[in-house]
Amino acid sequence: ALQQEVANLKQSRSDLVGQIDGLKGEMDTTTTTLRDELAQKSNKIAELEASMSSEKAAGNKLRSQLRETNLRLKDVTAERERGARTLEKELSMATEEVSRLQEANERLEEHATALQR
């Protein structure tokens, strides 16, 4: 009976060792799978961060170009406004000259009419 008990305990021990080995194998497989998944997720995060960085750089470049374009637009607008004011002054002076010449012409015509009488 004692020998049977010892045999049973040895068998139980052997079964437990087999179960432990099986669990160790499962743990190793699970650990490897989880490490692989973690590596993939880390790579995906790195890709997303690189993409975000690239998009941020592109956004900064576009904002810079927009600022430069706005500055050029302000310069061009100011230059055109100065040109328009100059043209308005020249037009005003020409209008005054035409008016003065018309008045002088009217006086000459009046004078010529008076001389013809």
Protein backbone atom coordinates (compact mmCIF):
# COMPACT_ATOMS: atom_id res chain seq x y z
CA ALA A 1 0.00 0.00 0.00
CA LEU A 2 2.85 2.36 0.80
CA GLN A 3 4.47 1.55 -2.52
CA GLN A 4 1.14 2.29 -4.24
CA GLU A 5 0.89 5.58 -2.38
CA VAL A 6 4.45 6.46 -3.45
CA ALA A 7 3.64 5.48 -7.04
CA ASN A 8 0.49 7.62 -6.94
CA LEU A 9 2.42 10.58 -5.53
CA LYS A 10 5.11 10.16 -8.20
CA GLN A 11 2.43 10.06 -10.87
CA SER A 12 0.72 13.14 -9.37
CA ARG A 13 4.07 14.90 -9.24
CA SER A 14 4.77 13.95 -12.85
CA ASP A 15 1.29 15.17 -13.88
CA LEU A 16 1.84 18.46 -12.01
CA VAL A 17 5.29 18.90 -13.61
CA GLY A 18 3.65 18.31 -17.02
CA GLN A 19 0.95 20.87 -16.22
CA ILE A 20 3.58 23.35 -15.00
CA ASP A 21 5.61 22.83 -18.17
CA GLY A 22 2.44 23.33 -20.25
CA LEU A 23 1.61 26.52 -18.35
CA LYS A 24 5.19 27.75 -18.78
CA GLY A 25 4.90 27.10 -22.53
CA GLU A 26 1.58 29.00 -22.65
CA MET A 27 3.13 31.86 -20.66
CA ASP A 28 6.11 31.97 -23.02
CA THR A 29 3.80 31.99 -26.06
CA THR A 30 1.57 34.65 -24.52
CA THR A 31 4.60 36.74 -23.52
CA THR A 32 6.04 36.49 -27.04
CA THR A 33 2.66 37.39 -28.57
CA LEU A 34 2.23 40.35 -26.22
CA ARG A 35 5.78 41.56 -26.91
CA ASP A 36 5.15 41.33 -30.66
CA GLU A 37 1.87 43.24 -30.29
CA LEU A 38 3.59 45.84 -28.12
CA ALA A 39 6.36 46.25 -30.69
CA GLN A 40 3.77 46.67 -33.47
CA LYS A 41 1.84 49.23 -31.44
CA SER A 42 5.06 51.08 -30.57
CA ASN A 43 5.97 51.17 -34.27
CA LYS A 44 2.47 52.43 -35.13
CA ILE A 45 2.78 55.14 -32.46
CA ALA A 46 6.17 56.15 -33.87
CA GLU A 47 4.67 56.30 -37.39
CA LEU A 48 1.76 58.42 -36.14
CA GLU A 49 4.12 60.75 -34.26
CA ALA A 50 6.27 61.13 -37.40
CA SER A 51 3.17 61.82 -39.47
CA MET A 52 1.92 64.38 -36.93
CA SER A 53 5.33 66.02 -36.88
CA SER A 54 5.35 66.17 -40.67
CA GLU A 55 1.83 67.64 -40.73
CA LYS A 56 2.79 70.15 -38.06
CA ALA A 57 5.84 71.20 -40.10
CA ALA A 58 3.66 71.53 -43.20
CA GLY A 59 1.14 73.60 -41.23
CA ASN A 60 3.90 75.85 -39.93
CA LYS A 61 5.27 76.28 -43.45
CA LEU A 62 1.81 77.17 -44.77
CA ARG A 63 1.26 79.68 -41.94
CA SER A 64 4.64 81.25 -42.73
CA GLN A 65 3.79 81.45 -46.44
CA LEU A 66 0.41 82.98 -45.58
CA ARG A 67 2.09 85.64 -43.41
CA GLU A 68 4.53 86.44 -46.22
CA THR A 69 1.70 86.63 -48.76
CA ASN A 70 -0.32 88.91 -46.48
CA LEU A 71 2.68 91.21 -46.04
CA ARG A 72 3.23 91.36 -49.81
CA LEU A 73 -0.49 92.01 -50.31
CA LYS A 74 -0.38 94.88 -47.82
CA ASP A 75 2.66 96.33 -49.61
CA VAL A 76 1.02 96.04 -53.03
CA THR A 77 -2.24 97.49 -51.70
CA ALA A 78 -0.42 100.43 -50.10
CA GLU A 79 1.52 101.05 -53.32
CA ARG A 80 -1.66 100.98 -55.40
CA GLU A 81 -3.43 103.30 -52.97
CA ARG A 82 -0.51 105.75 -53.26
CA GLY A 83 -0.73 105.46 -57.04
CA ALA A 84 -4.48 106.06 -56.96
CA ARG A 85 -4.02 109.16 -54.77
CA THR A 86 -1.36 110.46 -57.17
CA LEU A 87 -3.68 109.88 -60.13
CA GLU A 88 -6.54 111.61 -58.28
CA LYS A 89 -4.29 114.63 -57.63
CA GLU A 90 -3.17 114.69 -61.26
CA LEU A 91 -6.79 114.40 -62.43
CA SER A 92 -7.83 117.20 -60.09
CA MET A 93 -5.00 119.40 -61.37
CA ALA A 94 -5.88 118.57 -65.00
CA THR A 95 -9.55 119.30 -64.33
CA GLU A 96 -8.60 122.65 -62.79
CA GLU A 97 -6.38 123.40 -65.80
CA VAL A 98 -9.19 122.50 -68.23
CA SER A 99 -11.57 124.68 -66.24
CA ARG A 100 -9.07 127.55 -66.24
CA LEU A 101 -8.51 127.14 -69.99
CA GLN A 102 -12.27 127.08 -70.61
CA GLU A 103 -12.68 130.29 -68.62
CA ALA A 104 -9.83 131.88 -70.55
CA ASN A 105 -11.37 130.68 -73.83
CA GLU A 106 -14.76 132.13 -72.83
CA ARG A 107 -13.10 135.46 -72.01
CA LEU A 108 -11.31 135.40 -75.38
CA GLU A 109 -14.57 134.64 -77.16
CA GLU A 110 -16.30 137.47 -75.29
CA HIS A 111 -13.43 139.78 -76.16
CA ALA A 112 -13.52 138.65 -79.83
CA THR A 113 -17.28 139.21 -79.96
CA ALA A 114 -16.84 142.66 -78.43
CA LEU A 115 -14.17 143.51 -81.01
CA GLN A 116 -16.41 142.40 -83.87
CA ARG A 117 -19.13 144.89 -82.89
